[in-house]
Amino acid sequence: MKRLAFFVIIGIGACHGSSSGSIRDFIPGAYVKLSESEYSKAYDTLRISVYDGPGNTYLMLQHTGFQLIKEGRLQPKQYKTDKEVAVYDETTHQLQGMTSGRLLVFSPTTQTLLMGTTEYQKLK
C-alpha cells in the first residue's frame, strides 16, 4: 500500500511539473489583438521573450497602433509602445508585470493569453 501511495504522489508531481513546463514553453512568442468600435480601431501586438530563464523573468514589449474615428472618418494612426519585465509564478502559472502588476494567464490549448479581460491570440 505504501508503494502505491508513493507512485501516486510521484505521478501527481510529474503531471504537475509537465503542465508548468508546457505553459513555460508556450509563453515566448507574439500575441495579437484587433479591436474596433464606433470610436476607434486598435491593433495590439504583445511580444514576450525569456529575459532570465533560471530567474523566471520575461521581457514584454507591447506595441499598440490605433486610429480614432471622428465624424465617421478614420484619423491618422497613433502609436504607443510599452516595455516591462514580468515574473513567472510557478504556483499559479501566470506572469505578473513588475511595474504595472498586470497578470497574464496562458492557455496552450486555445493558443491564447488573457491580460485582465482582454484576450490575445498567439501567432504561429
PDB file of N, CA and C in Angstrom:
ATOM      1  N   MET A   1       0.817  -1.188   0.000  1.00  0.00           N
ATOM      2  CA  MET A   1       0.000   0.000   0.000  1.00  0.00           C
ATOM      3  C   MET A   1       0.869   1.262   0.000  1.00  0.00           C
ATOM      4  N   LYS A   2       1.974   1.220   0.773  1.00  0.00           N
ATOM      5  CA  LYS A   2       2.868   2.362   0.806  1.00  0.00           C
ATOM      6  C   LYS A   2       3.497   2.607  -0.563  1.00  0.00           C
ATOM      7  N   ARG A   3       3.798   1.508  -1.265  1.00  0.00           N
ATOM      8  CA  ARG A   3       4.362   1.647  -2.606  1.00  0.00           C
ATOM      9  C   ARG A   3       3.382   2.329  -3.546  1.00  0.00           C
ATOM     10  N   LEU A   4       2.117   1.928  -3.476  1.00  0.00           N
ATOM     11  CA  LEU A   4       1.095   2.528  -4.324  1.00  0.00           C
ATOM     12  C   LEU A   4       0.972   4.014  -4.035  1.00  0.00           C
ATOM     13  N   ALA A   5       0.946   4.391  -2.765  1.00  0.00           N
ATOM     14  CA  ALA A   5       0.854   5.808  -2.391  1.00  0.00           C
ATOM     15  C   ALA A   5       2.059   6.574  -2.924  1.00  0.00           C
ATOM     16  N   PHE A   6       3.247   5.973  -2.837  1.00  0.00           N
ATOM     17  CA  PHE A   6       4.461   6.615  -3.329  1.00  0.00           C
ATOM     18  C   PHE A   6       4.353   6.889  -4.835  1.00  0.00           C
ATOM     19  N   PHE A   7       3.902   5.888  -5.614  1.00  0.00           N
ATOM     20  CA  PHE A   7       3.789   6.055  -7.056  1.00  0.00           C
ATOM     21  C   PHE A   7       2.705   7.063  -7.435  1.00  0.00           C
ATOM     22  N   VAL A   8       1.621   7.105  -6.667  1.00  0.00           N
ATOM     23  CA  VAL A   8       0.566   8.094  -6.933  1.00  0.00           C
ATOM     24  C   VAL A   8       1.118   9.500  -6.711  1.00  0.00           C
ATOM     25  N   ILE A   9       1.855   9.706  -5.622  1.00  0.00           N
ATOM     26  CA  ILE A   9       2.431  11.025  -5.334  1.00  0.00           C
ATOM     27  C   ILE A   9       3.441  11.403  -6.416  1.00  0.00           C
ATOM     28  N   ILE A  10       4.285  10.484  -6.818  1.00  0.00           N
ATOM     29  CA  ILE A  10       5.258  10.751  -7.878  1.00  0.00           C
ATOM     30  C   ILE A  10       4.529  11.089  -9.184  1.00  0.00           C
ATOM     31  N   GLY A  11       3.477  10.351  -9.506  1.00  0.00           N
ATOM     32  CA  GLY A  11       2.702  10.595 -10.724  1.00  0.00           C
ATOM     33  C   GLY A  11       2.066  11.966 -10.725  1.00  0.00           C
ATOM     34  N   ILE A  12       1.498  12.370  -9.596  1.00  0.00           N
ATOM     35  CA  ILE A  12       0.880  13.695  -9.496  1.00  0.00           C
ATOM     36  C   ILE A  12       1.937  14.772  -9.667  1.00  0.00           C
ATOM     37  N   GLY A  13       3.071  14.601  -9.032  1.00  0.00           N
ATOM     38  CA  GLY A  13       4.160  15.572  -9.166  1.00  0.00           C
ATOM     39  C   GLY A  13       4.644  15.679 -10.598  1.00  0.00           C
ATOM     40  N   ALA A  14       4.755  14.563 -11.280  1.00  0.00           N
ATOM     41  CA  ALA A  14       5.220  14.576 -12.672  1.00  0.00           C
ATOM     42  C   ALA A  14       4.219  15.275 -13.572  1.00  0.00           C
ATOM     43  N   CYS A  15       2.936  15.015 -13.359  1.00  0.00           N
ATOM     44  CA  CYS A  15       1.909  15.675 -14.172  1.00  0.00           C
ATOM     45  C   CYS A  15       1.912  17.167 -13.918  1.00  0.00           C
ATOM     46  N   HIS A  16       2.033  17.559 -12.660  1.00  0.00           N
ATOM     47  CA  HIS A  16       2.041  18.975 -12.320  1.00  0.00           C
ATOM     48  C   HIS A  16       3.255  19.658 -12.948  1.00  0.00           C
ATOM     49  N   GLY A  17       4.399  19.023 -12.888  1.00  0.00           N
ATOM     50  CA  GLY A  17       5.610  19.591 -13.460  1.00  0.00           C
ATOM     51  C   GLY A  17       5.526  19.739 -14.964  1.00  0.00           C
ATOM     52  N   SER A  18       4.948  18.761 -15.645  1.00  0.00           N
ATOM     53  CA  SER A  18       4.857  18.850 -17.099  1.00  0.00           C
ATOM     54  C   SER A  18       3.875  19.923 -17.512  1.00  0.00           C
ATOM     55  N   SER A  19       2.826  20.160 -16.734  1.00  0.00           N
ATOM     56  CA  SER A  19       1.875  21.226 -17.025  1.00  0.00           C
ATOM     57  C   SER A  19       2.567  22.573 -16.952  1.00  0.00           C
ATOM     58  N   SER A  20       3.345  22.771 -15.897  1.00  0.00           N
ATOM     59  CA  SER A  20       4.082  24.019 -15.734  1.00  0.00           C
ATOM     60  C   SER A  20       5.080  24.189 -16.873  1.00  0.00           C
ATOM     61  N   GLY A  21       5.775  23.088 -17.230  1.00  0.00           N
ATOM     62  CA  GLY A  21       6.745  23.145 -18.305  1.00  0.00           C
ATOM     63  C   GLY A  21       6.104  23.475 -19.630  1.00  0.00           C
ATOM     64  N   SER A  22       4.948  22.900 -19.908  1.00  0.00           N
ATOM     65  CA  SER A  22       4.291  23.179 -21.183  1.00  0.00           C
ATOM     66  C   SER A  22       3.824  24.627 -21.256  1.00  0.00           C
ATOM     67  N   ILE A  23       3.394  25.188 -20.149  1.00  0.00           N
ATOM     68  CA  ILE A  23       2.995  26.597 -20.144  1.00  0.00           C
ATOM     69  C   ILE A  23       4.228  27.476 -20.318  1.00  0.00           C
ATOM     70  N   ARG A  24       5.300  27.157 -19.621  1.00  0.00           N
ATOM     71  CA  ARG A  24       6.536  27.946 -19.766  1.00  0.00           C
ATOM     72  C   ARG A  24       7.077  27.860 -21.193  1.00  0.00           C
ATOM     73  N   ASP A  25       6.944  26.699 -21.828  1.00  0.00           N
ATOM     74  CA  ASP A  25       7.382  26.558 -23.220  1.00  0.00           C
ATOM     75  C   ASP A  25       6.484  27.355 -24.160  1.00  0.00           C
ATOM     76  N   PHE A  26       5.217  27.491 -23.804  1.00  0.00           N
ATOM     77  CA  PHE A  26       4.240  28.194 -24.636  1.00  0.00           C
ATOM     78  C   PHE A  26       4.398  29.714 -24.566  1.00  0.00           C
ATOM     79  N   ILE A  27       4.838  30.241 -23.438  1.00  0.00           N
ATOM     80  CA  ILE A  27       4.836  31.691 -23.190  1.00  0.00           C
ATOM     81  C   ILE A  27       5.583  32.508 -24.246  1.00  0.00           C
ATOM     82  N   PRO A  28       6.857  32.234 -24.571  1.00  0.00           N
ATOM     83  CA  PRO A  28       7.561  33.110 -25.516  1.00  0.00           C
ATOM     84  C   PRO A  28       6.869  33.130 -26.883  1.00  0.00           C
ATOM     85  N   GLY A  29       6.782  34.324 -27.461  1.00  0.00           N
ATOM     86  CA  GLY A  29       6.172  34.459 -28.780  1.00  0.00           C
ATOM     87  C   GLY A  29       5.461  35.786 -28.937  1.00  0.00           C
ATOM     88  N   ALA A  30       4.717  35.892 -30.028  1.00  0.00           N
ATOM     89  CA  ALA A  30       3.972  37.112 -30.340  1.00  0.00           C
ATOM     90  C   ALA A  30       2.481  36.832 -30.256  1.00  0.00           C
ATOM     91  N   TYR A  31       1.765  37.755 -29.672  1.00  0.00           N
ATOM     92  CA  TYR A  31       0.318  37.651 -29.481  1.00  0.00           C
ATOM     93  C   TYR A  31      -0.333  38.906 -30.052  1.00  0.00           C
ATOM     94  N   VAL A  32      -1.496  38.752 -30.666  1.00  0.00           N
ATOM     95  CA  VAL A  32      -2.160  39.903 -31.282  1.00  0.00           C
ATOM     96  C   VAL A  32      -3.613  40.019 -30.834  1.00  0.00           C
ATOM     97  N   LYS A  33      -4.092  41.257 -30.909  1.00  0.00           N
ATOM     98  CA  LYS A  33      -5.493  41.542 -30.614  1.00  0.00           C
ATOM     99  C   LYS A  33      -5.920  42.692 -31.519  1.00  0.00           C
ATOM    100  N   LEU A  34      -7.025  42.497 -32.193  1.00  0.00           N
ATOM    101  CA  LEU A  34      -7.606  43.552 -33.009  1.00  0.00           C
ATOM    102  C   LEU A  34      -8.948  43.925 -32.402  1.00  0.00           C
ATOM    103  N   SER A  35      -9.196  45.219 -32.288  1.00  0.00           N
ATOM    104  CA  SER A  35     -10.492  45.633 -31.750  1.00  0.00           C
ATOM    105  C   SER A  35     -10.988  46.844 -32.522  1.00  0.00           C
ATOM    106  N   GLU A  36     -12.306  46.960 -32.564  1.00  0.00           N
ATOM    107  CA  GLU A  36     -12.921  48.035 -33.319  1.00  0.00           C
ATOM    108  C   GLU A  36     -14.221  48.430 -32.636  1.00  0.00           C
ATOM    109  N   SER A  37     -14.463  49.730 -32.590  1.00  0.00           N
ATOM    110  CA  SER A  37     -15.726  50.245 -32.076  1.00  0.00           C
ATOM    111  C   SER A  37     -16.128  51.418 -32.964  1.00  0.00           C
ATOM    112  N   GLU A  38     -17.210  52.063 -32.629  1.00  0.00           N
ATOM    113  CA  GLU A  38     -17.626  53.211 -33.433  1.00  0.00           C
ATOM    114  C   GLU A  38     -16.700  54.404 -33.223  1.00  0.00           C
ATOM    115  N   TYR A  39     -15.837  54.351 -32.202  1.00  0.00           N
ATOM    116  CA  TYR A  39     -14.949  55.466 -31.878  1.00  0.00           C
ATOM    117  C   TYR A  39     -13.499  55.250 -32.271  1.00  0.00           C
ATOM    118  N   SER A  40     -13.083  53.990 -32.476  1.00  0.00           N
ATOM    119  CA  SER A  40     -11.676  53.747 -32.798  1.00  0.00           C
ATOM    120  C   SER A  40     -11.453  52.341 -33.341  1.00  0.00           C
ATOM    121  N   LYS A  41     -10.257  52.159 -33.920  1.00  0.00           N
ATOM    122  CA  LYS A  41      -9.735  50.851 -34.319  1.00  0.00           C
ATOM    123  C   LYS A  41      -8.387  50.715 -33.630  1.00  0.00           C
ATOM    124  N   ALA A  42      -8.106  49.526 -33.100  1.00  0.00           N
ATOM    125  CA  ALA A  42      -6.831  49.314 -32.415  1.00  0.00           C
ATOM    126  C   ALA A  42      -6.204  47.998 -32.849  1.00  0.00           C
ATOM    127  N   TYR A  43      -4.890  48.012 -32.982  1.00  0.00           N
ATOM    128  CA  TYR A  43      -4.097  46.858 -33.365  1.00  0.00           C
ATOM    129  C   TYR A  43      -3.028  46.700 -32.289  1.00  0.00           C
ATOM    130  N   ASP A  44      -3.078  45.624 -31.567  1.00  0.00           N
ATOM    131  CA  ASP A  44      -2.200  45.440 -30.412  1.00  0.00           C
ATOM    132  C   ASP A  44      -1.344  44.196 -30.608  1.00  0.00           C
ATOM    133  N   THR A  45      -0.026  44.338 -30.439  1.00  0.00           N
ATOM    134  CA  THR A  45       0.898  43.211 -30.517  1.00  0.00           C
ATOM    135  C   THR A  45       1.685  43.150 -29.214  1.00  0.00           C
ATOM    136  N   LEU A  46       1.723  41.976 -28.630  1.00  0.00           N
ATOM    137  CA  LEU A  46       2.465  41.752 -27.394  1.00  0.00           C
ATOM    138  C   LEU A  46       3.514  40.695 -27.682  1.00  0.00           C
ATOM    139  N   ARG A  47       4.784  41.060 -27.527  1.00  0.00           N
ATOM    140  CA  ARG A  47       5.886  40.119 -27.736  1.00  0.00           C
ATOM    141  C   ARG A  47       6.499  39.789 -26.379  1.00  0.00           C
ATOM    142  N   ILE A  48       6.612  38.497 -26.121  1.00  0.00           N
ATOM    143  CA  ILE A  48       7.157  38.037 -24.851  1.00  0.00           C
ATOM    144  C   ILE A  48       8.375  37.163 -25.128  1.00  0.00           C
ATOM    145  N   SER A  49       9.476  37.483 -24.472  1.00  0.00           N
ATOM    146  CA  SER A  49      10.694  36.684 -24.636  1.00  0.00           C
ATOM    147  C   SER A  49      11.295  36.399 -23.259  1.00  0.00           C
ATOM    148  N   VAL A  50      12.063  35.318 -23.187  1.00  0.00           N
ATOM    149  CA  VAL A  50      12.732  34.955 -21.940  1.00  0.00           C
ATOM    150  C   VAL A  50      13.825  35.987 -21.673  1.00  0.00           C
ATOM    151  N   TYR A  51      13.819  36.558 -20.501  1.00  0.00           N
ATOM    152  CA  TYR A  51      14.851  37.519 -20.103  1.00  0.00           C
ATOM    153  C   TYR A  51      15.928  36.812 -19.287  1.00  0.00           C
ATOM    154  N   ASP A  52      15.486  36.029 -18.292  1.00  0.00           N
ATOM    155  CA  ASP A  52      16.397  35.252 -17.459  1.00  0.00           C
ATOM    156  C   ASP A  52      15.673  33.972 -17.068  1.00  0.00           C
ATOM    157  N   GLY A  53      15.909  32.900 -17.834  1.00  0.00           N
ATOM    158  CA  GLY A  53      15.224  31.631 -17.614  1.00  0.00           C
ATOM    159  C   GLY A  53      15.269  31.115 -16.191  1.00  0.00           C
ATOM    160  N   PRO A  54      16.468  30.963 -15.599  1.00  0.00           N
ATOM    161  CA  PRO A  54      16.519  30.454 -14.226  1.00  0.00           C
ATOM    162  C   PRO A  54      15.845  31.391 -13.225  1.00  0.00           C
ATOM    163  N   GLY A  55      15.803  32.683 -13.547  1.00  0.00           N
ATOM    164  CA  GLY A  55      15.177  33.651 -12.647  1.00  0.00           C
ATOM    165  C   GLY A  55      13.695  33.828 -12.908  1.00  0.00           C
ATOM    166  N   ASN A  56      13.135  33.072 -13.857  1.00  0.00           N
ATOM    167  CA  ASN A  56      11.709  33.141 -14.192  1.00  0.00           C
ATOM    168  C   ASN A  56      11.267  34.522 -14.650  1.00  0.00           C
ATOM    169  N   THR A  57      12.147  35.282 -15.291  1.00  0.00           N
ATOM    170  CA  THR A  57      11.764  36.616 -15.751  1.00  0.00           C
ATOM    171  C   THR A  57      11.657  36.661 -17.272  1.00  0.00           C
ATOM    172  N   TYR A  58      10.706  37.453 -17.724  1.00  0.00           N
ATOM    173  CA  TYR A  58      10.412  37.607 -19.146  1.00  0.00           C
ATOM    174  C   TYR A  58      10.356  39.089 -19.479  1.00  0.00           C
ATOM    175  N   LEU A  59      10.658  39.421 -20.723  1.00  0.00           N
ATOM    176  CA  LEU A  59      10.544  40.783 -21.213  1.00  0.00           C
ATOM    177  C   LEU A  59       9.288  40.867 -22.067  1.00  0.00           C
ATOM    178  N   MET A  60       8.422  41.838 -21.767  1.00  0.00           N
ATOM    179  CA  MET A  60       7.190  42.039 -22.538  1.00  0.00           C
ATOM    180  C   MET A  60       7.278  43.375 -23.274  1.00  0.00           C
ATOM    181  N   LEU A  61       7.082  43.339 -24.584  1.00  0.00           N
ATOM    182  CA  LEU A  61       7.028  44.546 -25.405  1.00  0.00           C
ATOM    183  C   LEU A  61       5.629  44.635 -26.008  1.00  0.00           C
ATOM    184  N   GLN A  62       4.925  45.705 -25.707  1.00  0.00           N
ATOM    185  CA  GLN A  62       3.563  45.882 -26.223  1.00  0.00           C
ATOM    186  C   GLN A  62       3.555  47.062 -27.181  1.00  0.00           C
ATOM    187  N   HIS A  63       3.167  46.791 -28.431  1.00  0.00           N
ATOM    188  CA  HIS A  63       3.065  47.815 -29.462  1.00  0.00           C
ATOM    189  C   HIS A  63       1.587  47.983 -29.815  1.00  0.00           C
ATOM    190  N   THR A  64       1.091  49.185 -29.661  1.00  0.00           N
ATOM    191  CA  THR A  64      -0.311  49.455 -29.965  1.00  0.00           C
ATOM    192  C   THR A  64      -0.393  50.531 -31.033  1.00  0.00           C
ATOM    193  N   GLY A  65      -1.148  50.252 -32.074  1.00  0.00           N
ATOM    194  CA  GLY A  65      -1.459  51.237 -33.091  1.00  0.00           C
ATOM    195  C   GLY A  65      -2.959  51.450 -33.064  1.00  0.00           C
ATOM    196  N   PHE A  66      -3.391  52.702 -33.087  1.00  0.00           N
ATOM    197  CA  PHE A  66      -4.835  52.937 -33.051  1.00  0.00           C
ATOM    198  C   PHE A  66      -5.195  54.157 -33.886  1.00  0.00           C
ATOM    199  N   GLN A  67      -6.426  54.139 -34.330  1.00  0.00           N
ATOM    200  CA  GLN A  67      -6.965  55.240 -35.112  1.00  0.00           C
ATOM    201  C   GLN A  67      -8.305  55.645 -34.509  1.00  0.00           C
ATOM    202  N   LEU A  68      -8.407  56.917 -34.155  1.00  0.00           N
ATOM    203  CA  LEU A  68      -9.680  57.426 -33.668  1.00  0.00           C
ATOM    204  C   LEU A  68     -10.605  57.628 -34.855  1.00  0.00           C
ATOM    205  N   ILE A  69     -11.888  57.546 -34.615  1.00  0.00           N
ATOM    206  CA  ILE A  69     -12.893  57.798 -35.643  1.00  0.00           C
ATOM    207  C   ILE A  69     -13.680  59.024 -35.213  1.00  0.00           C
ATOM    208  N   LYS A  70     -13.572  60.088 -36.007  1.00  0.00           N
ATOM    209  CA  LYS A  70     -14.308  61.323 -35.720  1.00  0.00           C
ATOM    210  C   LYS A  70     -15.214  61.634 -36.892  1.00  0.00           C
ATOM    211  N   GLU A  71     -16.487  61.809 -36.587  1.00  0.00           N
ATOM    212  CA  GLU A  71     -17.497  62.099 -37.616  1.00  0.00           C
ATOM    213  C   GLU A  71     -17.453  61.070 -38.739  1.00  0.00           C
ATOM    214  N   GLY A  72     -17.254  59.807 -38.366  1.00  0.00           N
ATOM    215  CA  GLY A  72     -17.260  58.713 -39.326  1.00  0.00           C
ATOM    216  C   GLY A  72     -15.986  58.568 -40.133  1.00  0.00           C
ATOM    217  N   ARG A  73     -14.960  59.366 -39.851  1.00  0.00           N
ATOM    218  CA  ARG A  73     -13.711  59.303 -40.620  1.00  0.00           C
ATOM    219  C   ARG A  73     -12.553  58.863 -39.735  1.00  0.00           C
ATOM    220  N   LEU A  74     -11.741  57.935 -40.298  1.00  0.00           N
ATOM    221  CA  LEU A  74     -10.553  57.480 -39.579  1.00  0.00           C
ATOM    222  C   LEU A  74      -9.525  58.601 -39.514  1.00  0.00           C
ATOM    223  N   GLN A  75      -8.980  58.801 -38.351  1.00  0.00           N
ATOM    224  CA  GLN A  75      -7.930  59.794 -38.139  1.00  0.00           C
ATOM    225  C   GLN A  75      -6.572  59.117 -38.352  1.00  0.00           C
ATOM    226  N   PRO A  76      -5.504  59.898 -38.445  1.00  0.00           N
ATOM    227  CA  PRO A  76      -4.176  59.298 -38.638  1.00  0.00           C
ATOM    228  C   PRO A  76      -3.831  58.322 -37.512  1.00  0.00           C
ATOM    229  N   LYS A  77      -3.051  57.305 -37.875  1.00  0.00           N
ATOM    230  CA  LYS A  77      -2.631  56.310 -36.891  1.00  0.00           C
ATOM    231  C   LYS A  77      -1.744  56.939 -35.827  1.00  0.00           C
ATOM    232  N   GLN A  78      -1.939  56.464 -34.616  1.00  0.00           N
ATOM    233  CA  GLN A  78      -1.097  56.851 -33.493  1.00  0.00           C
ATOM    234  C   GLN A  78      -0.498  55.565 -32.925  1.00  0.00           C
ATOM    235  N   TYR A  79       0.673  55.701 -32.327  1.00  0.00           N
ATOM    236  CA  TYR A  79       1.362  54.519 -31.823  1.00  0.00           C
ATOM    237  C   TYR A  79       1.785  54.714 -30.375  1.00  0.00           C
ATOM    238  N   LYS A  80       1.825  53.599 -29.662  1.00  0.00           N
ATOM    239  CA  LYS A  80       2.260  53.600 -28.272  1.00  0.00           C
ATOM    240  C   LYS A  80       3.049  52.317 -28.045  1.00  0.00           C
ATOM    241  N   THR A  81       4.164  52.410 -27.331  1.00  0.00           N
ATOM    242  CA  THR A  81       4.974  51.240 -27.019  1.00  0.00           C
ATOM    243  C   THR A  81       5.241  51.200 -25.521  1.00  0.00           C
ATOM    244  N   ASP A  82       5.043  50.036 -24.929  1.00  0.00           N
ATOM    245  CA  ASP A  82       5.344  49.820 -23.515  1.00  0.00           C
ATOM    246  C   ASP A  82       6.310  48.651 -23.391  1.00  0.00           C
ATOM    247  N   LYS A  83       7.202  48.746 -22.425  1.00  0.00           N
ATOM    248  CA  LYS A  83       8.188  47.696 -22.169  1.00  0.00           C
ATOM    249  C   LYS A  83       8.150  47.401 -20.677  1.00  0.00           C
ATOM    250  N   GLU A  84       8.134  46.113 -20.336  1.00  0.00           N
ATOM    251  CA  GLU A  84       8.039  45.745 -18.933  1.00  0.00           C
ATOM    252  C   GLU A  84       8.659  44.370 -18.700  1.00  0.00           C
ATOM    253  N   VAL A  85       9.222  44.186 -17.531  1.00  0.00           N
ATOM    254  CA  VAL A  85       9.732  42.885 -17.110  1.00  0.00           C
ATOM    255  C   VAL A  85       8.643  42.219 -16.283  1.00  0.00           C
ATOM    256  N   ALA A  86       8.447  40.923 -16.511  1.00  0.00           N
ATOM    257  CA  ALA A  86       7.430  40.166 -15.781  1.00  0.00           C
ATOM    258  C   ALA A  86       8.071  38.932 -15.159  1.00  0.00           C
ATOM    259  N   VAL A  87       7.479  38.465 -14.084  1.00  0.00           N
ATOM    260  CA  VAL A  87       7.981  37.295 -13.364  1.00  0.00           C
ATOM    261  C   VAL A  87       6.956  36.176 -13.466  1.00  0.00           C
ATOM    262  N   TYR A  88       7.437  34.966 -13.776  1.00  0.00           N
ATOM    263  CA  TYR A  88       6.578  33.787 -13.864  1.00  0.00           C
ATOM    264  C   TYR A  88       6.408  33.184 -12.477  1.00  0.00           C
ATOM    265  N   ASP A  89       5.165  32.952 -12.085  1.00  0.00           N
ATOM    266  CA  ASP A  89       4.857  32.338 -10.795  1.00  0.00           C
ATOM    267  C   ASP A  89       4.640  30.844 -11.014  1.00  0.00           C
ATOM    268  N   GLU A  90       5.514  30.025 -10.442  1.00  0.00           N
ATOM    269  CA  GLU A  90       5.458  28.570 -10.609  1.00  0.00           C
ATOM    270  C   GLU A  90       4.169  27.969 -10.042  1.00  0.00           C
ATOM    271  N   THR A  91       3.587  28.617  -9.042  1.00  0.00           N
ATOM    272  CA  THR A  91       2.389  28.087  -8.391  1.00  0.00           C
ATOM    273  C   THR A  91       1.126  28.352  -9.212  1.00  0.00           C
ATOM    274  N   THR A  92       0.962  29.603  -9.685  1.00  0.00           N
ATOM    275  CA  THR A  92      -0.263  29.971 -10.410  1.00  0.00           C
ATOM    276  C   THR A  92      -0.125  29.821 -11.918  1.00  0.00           C
ATOM    277  N   HIS A  93       1.127  29.645 -12.414  1.00  0.00           N
ATOM    278  CA  HIS A  93       1.423  29.533 -13.852  1.00  0.00           C
ATOM    279  C   HIS A  93       1.030  30.807 -14.594  1.00  0.00           C
ATOM    280  N   GLN A  94       1.255  31.950 -13.960  1.00  0.00           N
ATOM    281  CA  GLN A  94       0.935  33.248 -14.548  1.00  0.00           C
ATOM    282  C   GLN A  94       2.177  34.129 -14.568  1.00  0.00           C
ATOM    283  N   LEU A  95       2.161  35.098 -15.486  1.00  0.00           N
ATOM    284  CA  LEU A  95       3.185  36.134 -15.495  1.00  0.00           C
ATOM    285  C   LEU A  95       2.594  37.363 -14.818  1.00  0.00           C
ATOM    286  N   GLN A  96       3.414  38.068 -14.039  1.00  0.00           N
ATOM    287  CA  GLN A  96       2.964  39.319 -13.435  1.00  0.00           C
ATOM    288  C   GLN A  96       3.969  40.412 -13.762  1.00  0.00           C
ATOM    289  N   GLY A  97       3.457  41.500 -14.347  1.00  0.00           N
ATOM    290  CA  GLY A  97       4.301  42.643 -14.670  1.00  0.00           C
ATOM    291  C   GLY A  97       4.832  43.281 -13.396  1.00  0.00           C
ATOM    292  N   MET A  98       6.129  43.554 -13.363  1.00  0.00           N
ATOM    293  CA  MET A  98       6.738  44.097 -12.147  1.00  0.00           C
ATOM    294  C   MET A  98       6.378  45.562 -11.933  1.00  0.00           C
ATOM    295  N   THR A  99       6.118  46.300 -12.995  1.00  0.00           N
ATOM    296  CA  THR A  99       5.779  47.716 -12.872  1.00  0.00           C
ATOM    297  C   THR A  99       4.269  47.913 -12.764  1.00  0.00           C
ATOM    298  N   SER A 100       3.535  47.296 -13.668  1.00  0.00           N
ATOM    299  CA  SER A 100       2.080  47.513 -13.739  1.00  0.00           C
ATOM    300  C   SER A 100       1.288  46.593 -12.821  1.00  0.00           C
ATOM    301  N   GLY A 101       1.865  45.426 -12.481  1.00  0.00           N
ATOM    302  CA  GLY A 101       1.134  44.445 -11.684  1.00  0.00           C
ATOM    303  C   GLY A 101       0.152  43.616 -12.495  1.00  0.00           C
ATOM    304  N   ARG A 102       0.104  43.836 -13.821  1.00  0.00           N
ATOM    305  CA  ARG A 102      -0.823  43.086 -14.676  1.00  0.00           C
ATOM    306  C   ARG A 102      -0.524  41.596 -14.626  1.00  0.00           C
ATOM    307  N   LEU A 103      -1.593  40.797 -14.595  1.00  0.00           N
ATOM    308  CA  LEU A 103      -1.461  39.339 -14.612  1.00  0.00           C
ATOM    309  C   LEU A 103      -1.781  38.825 -16.003  1.00  0.00           C
ATOM    310  N   LEU A 104      -0.965  37.904 -16.498  1.00  0.00           N
ATOM    311  CA  LEU A 104      -1.196  37.269 -17.779  1.00  0.00           C
ATOM    312  C   LEU A 104      -1.420  35.791 -17.538  1.00  0.00           C
ATOM    313  N   VAL A 105      -2.532  35.284 -18.071  1.00  0.00           N
ATOM    314  CA  VAL A 105      -2.907  33.878 -17.928  1.00  0.00           C
ATOM    315  C   VAL A 105      -2.823  33.244 -19.313  1.00  0.00           C
ATOM    316  N   PHE A 106      -2.153  32.106 -19.420  1.00  0.00           N
ATOM    317  CA  PHE A 106      -1.901  31.465 -20.713  1.00  0.00           C
ATOM    318  C   PHE A 106      -2.714  30.191 -20.870  1.00  0.00           C
ATOM    319  N   SER A 107      -3.152  29.940 -22.115  1.00  0.00           N
ATOM    320  CA  SER A 107      -3.876  28.715 -22.434  1.00  0.00           C
ATOM    321  C   SER A 107      -3.279  28.097 -23.705  1.00  0.00           C
ATOM    322  N   PRO A 108      -2.356  27.154 -23.544  1.00  0.00           N
ATOM    323  CA  PRO A 108      -1.783  26.499 -24.733  1.00  0.00           C
ATOM    324  C   PRO A 108      -2.826  25.775 -25.582  1.00  0.00           C
ATOM    325  N   THR A 109      -3.880  25.258 -24.964  1.00  0.00           N
ATOM    326  CA  THR A 109      -4.884  24.512 -25.740  1.00  0.00           C
ATOM    327  C   THR A 109      -5.658  25.413 -26.687  1.00  0.00           C
ATOM    328  N   THR A 110      -5.936  26.666 -26.296  1.00  0.00           N
ATOM    329  CA  THR A 110      -6.658  27.586 -27.179  1.00  0.00           C
ATOM    330  C   THR A 110      -5.728  28.573 -27.875  1.00  0.00           C
ATOM    331  N   GLN A 111      -4.404  28.459 -27.593  1.00  0.00           N
ATOM    332  CA  GLN A 111      -3.397  29.346 -28.189  1.00  0.00           C
ATOM    333  C   GLN A 111      -3.678  30.816 -27.872  1.00  0.00           C
ATOM    334  N   THR A 112      -4.076  31.092 -26.628  1.00  0.00           N
ATOM    335  CA  THR A 112      -4.415  32.455 -26.226  1.00  0.00           C
ATOM    336  C   THR A 112      -3.755  32.824 -24.904  1.00  0.00           C
ATOM    337  N   LEU A 113      -3.777  34.113 -24.631  1.00  0.00           N
ATOM    338  CA  LEU A 113      -3.430  34.611 -23.306  1.00  0.00           C
ATOM    339  C   LEU A 113      -4.479  35.641 -22.927  1.00  0.00           C
ATOM    340  N   LEU A 114      -4.730  35.740 -21.632  1.00  0.00           N
ATOM    341  CA  LEU A 114      -5.638  36.746 -21.105  1.00  0.00           C
ATOM    342  C   LEU A 114      -4.831  37.730 -20.274  1.00  0.00           C
ATOM    343  N   MET A 115      -5.034  39.017 -20.558  1.00  0.00           N
ATOM    344  CA  MET A 115      -4.474  40.080 -19.743  1.00  0.00           C
ATOM    345  C   MET A 115      -5.686  40.833 -19.206  1.00  0.00           C
ATOM    346  N   GLY A 116      -6.059  40.542 -17.970  1.00  0.00           N
ATOM    347  CA  GLY A 116      -7.331  41.050 -17.456  1.00  0.00           C
ATOM    348  C   GLY A 116      -8.437  40.334 -18.206  1.00  0.00           C
ATOM    349  N   THR A 117      -9.321  41.101 -18.848  1.00  0.00           N
ATOM    350  CA  THR A 117     -10.398  40.502 -19.643  1.00  0.00           C
ATOM    351  C   THR A 117     -10.088  40.531 -21.140  1.00  0.00           C
ATOM    352  N   THR A 118      -8.908  41.013 -21.487  1.00  0.00           N
ATOM    353  CA  THR A 118      -8.524  41.132 -22.893  1.00  0.00           C
ATOM    354  C   THR A 118      -7.835  39.858 -23.355  1.00  0.00           C
ATOM    355  N   GLU A 119      -8.345  39.282 -24.445  1.00  0.00           N
ATOM    356  CA  GLU A 119      -7.788  38.043 -24.984  1.00  0.00           C
ATOM    357  C   GLU A 119      -6.910  38.333 -26.190  1.00  0.00           C
ATOM    358  N   TYR A 120      -5.719  37.765 -26.180  1.00  0.00           N
ATOM    359  CA  TYR A 120      -4.765  37.860 -27.291  1.00  0.00           C
ATOM    360  C   TYR A 120      -4.618  36.479 -27.916  1.00  0.00           C
ATOM    361  N   GLN A 121      -4.474  36.428 -29.226  1.00  0.00           N
ATOM    362  CA  GLN A 121      -4.269  35.180 -29.957  1.00  0.00           C
ATOM    363  C   GLN A 121      -2.782  35.042 -30.274  1.00  0.00           C
ATOM    364  N   LYS A 122      -2.211  33.869 -30.025  1.00  0.00           N
ATOM    365  CA  LYS A 122      -0.794  33.649 -30.311  1.00  0.00           C
ATOM    366  C   LYS A 122      -0.580  33.445 -31.799  1.00  0.00           C
ATOM    367  N   LEU A 123       0.434  34.119 -32.350  1.00  0.00           N
ATOM    368  CA  LEU A 123       0.820  33.892 -33.737  1.00  0.00           C
ATOM    369  C   LEU A 123       1.703  32.665 -33.790  1.00  0.00           C
ATOM    370  N   LYS A 124       1.612  31.911 -34.878  1.00  0.00           N
ATOM    371  CA  LYS A 124       2.429  30.702 -35.010  1.00  0.00           C
ATOM    372  C   LYS A 124       3.673  30.969 -35.778  1.00  0.00           C
TER     373      LYS A 124
END
